Amino acid sequence: MEESVVEGGQRDTKKGESTDSPQPKEEVTGVVKTGVTTQDDDHEGTVQGISDPETFEDLLELAGTSGRWNFTIIVLSCLCGFVSPFQLISYQFLGATPDHWCHVTPLVEANWTQEQILSFAIPESDNVTGTRSSCYMYDYNYTSAALLGYEKSINNPQFLPSEDVGIVACSTRDFNLTQYKSTVVTQWDLVCERRLLYSTTQAISQFGKLIGSFAFGYLIEALGRRRSSLLSGFLTMVCNLVAAVSPTLTIYILMRGIITAVASGYFMANLILCLEISSPKQRSAIGGLSGIPWGLGYMVLPGVAYFIREWQWLQAAFTFPTLIFFVYIWILPESPRWLVKRKRYQEALDVLTWAARVNKKTLPPDDVMLAAMRRIREQNLSQDERDETKGSYWKRVLGTVKWLLSMFLVPQLRRISIPVFFCWIASGMIYYGVALSATNLSADPYMFIFLGGLLELPAFFLAWIISAYVGRKRGLMLLYAICAVSIFSVLVMQVQFPQAPVWLRVLFSQSGKMAIATGFTLVWFYTIELYPTKFRSLGTGQASVCARIGSISSPYINDILGAAVVWAPSALFSSVSLATVGICFLLPETRNKTMPENLDYFHGKSKTKPTENVMMDNIGHHNPAFIRN
């Protein structure tokens, strides 16, 4: 077999060299790491410092990790986050609840004015503020009152409020349409005894996220990052339009669930793609700043809702941001890391070649790159993964089922998953609970949501800074502690100082939300860093399922529990946040560590030496973060 030769720092492979199987290191590359940067006529700034790729991070460095290609792909991938708030936070506008009171049919048919009906038929629910009841009316003979007219009726002794006059619940309501032209609530009368259905319209959205997170945790691994993103984006666009013309509440609720289910796919797939084409040191910045489009969409949402007051048109307007997915058809690549894992080496090489060309880098010859990919994949296969490729059909099916349950069946993964899943449950519950608590805080929903979105932006920068300089583990503990203190302050005002100004309650509430938003961003990419490549999308998907368990409960906590005891949601959110501080003690640190490729990474049980299999920053340092005895 003929050897590769090097001339002037460049590599060239003689014809006839086989690329069908991995070659010994000295024959595959024929070079050593020189640390030399050269230039040629076609490419400037070509990095030759990594001439012997030993890890996937080495392959990325050859193609460039900080060039125009990486910047373009990461920015475009993150833009899908702009779409998400329109699906998840729009609940307070699509389902806004205007002032309402009992519909008294005889009086309405007699053309009594709204003020006349309220003063005559509707009792006061609060003697101090004079607020009228929303669900009850006096038990009068309204047919007689309608015949007498308003003036005679209010002076008639039989219609004067007394102990003998009962108060009864009504079955239909009238709404103050000067606040909103139409909402889901006014369309299907989701108040009073039907209030549970109102909370369900939001809970079903979070339940959809739960199903979608679990399903796409599998699909992103099975179909790939690119196809999963495109599929979910197309379905989101179609379902938004169908929801806008829903003829019944049942169909509307179903569409809301499907929208948020498929929306899980593009957000998760694109974030995983961004981190898989980044170097270890870049992941803190990318993981933190990738949420900026979410914050911008969060801020734009109340502005759109302010000008579009009919819920059908508002729902339809949410379709326009999904047009970004048409751009993805031509621009979004597949993750080369995933392609190598799937033995699709030529496709991975095509992506890396594209990246290198745009970044003005020169890759080694194709046969050298392909052989390196085969060798890297083989080195990173655990024994369990090797065994899965053997055996009967049913054995492989059983292996797939075990893979789906691996977060709890595999000890190395279970030790990571249990505390991670708890963090996600807490984050989902608190984030959406506080984000949708404007009514409980008596705050203007447009301003409250806008401020919430505005504070998301510094939260993402904080996630970057905290994760980079404080670390993932200690950063999460700090953020959950701040959230607990802030929401507990709201609790104190609600219990001890109920007359405190609304802006003060909003201040502490938004401080807590900013802390949990930062923590939610951090826990997203922290989770992606914790799991090996084979389990990365599955673990992230199942963690997101746990977040939906928390977020499903948030509308019921606010609407049902908050209506019964106004301070109860704050008490629950602050307690859960404080408990999560302790749970974070169980997690390892991943700052500046390479992303794990197999289960051996957690305990250093690889057959190779630890320094060959567990690296930090591509400089050969032993990584103790995942070694837990």
Foldseek 3Di string as FASTA:
>chain_A
DDAWDDDPLATDRDPPDDLPAFDPQCRLQVDDQDQDFDDDDQFPRATRRLRRDQAVVSLLVQLNFPFPLLVVLLVLLLLLLLLPCLLQLCLCQQLPAAQKAADDPLQVVLVDDPVLCQVQWWDAPDPVVRHTDHFKTKPAPVNVDSVVDSVVQCVDVRRDDDPVIDMDGHDAMDGDCVVFVDHPCRVVVCDDVNVVLSLLLNLLLLVLLLQLLQVLLVVCLVVFLLVLQLVLLVLLLVLLLCLLPDPDSVSNSVSSSPNSSSSNRSNLSSLLLSVLSHFQQCNLLSLLQSNLSNLVSLQCLLVLSVVHRHSSVSSNVSSVSSCSSVVSVPRHATRLVSCLLVVVQVSSVVVSVVSNSSRRYDDHDPSSSSSSSNNNNVQQDDPLNVCLVDDDPVSVVVVVVCLLVVCCVPVLNVLAQPLLLLLLLLLLQLLLLLLPQCVLLVHDNSVLSNLLSVLLNVLSVVSSVCCQPVFLLVLLLVLLLLLLVLLVVLLCCVPPPVVPDSVSSSVSSSSSNSSSSSNVSSSLVVQLQVDAPSSNSSSSSNSSSSSSNSNSCSSCCNPPVCVVPVSVSSVVSSVSSNVSSVSSVSAFTCRQWDRRHHSCQLAVPRPDHQLSRGDGSPPSDRDCRRHDD
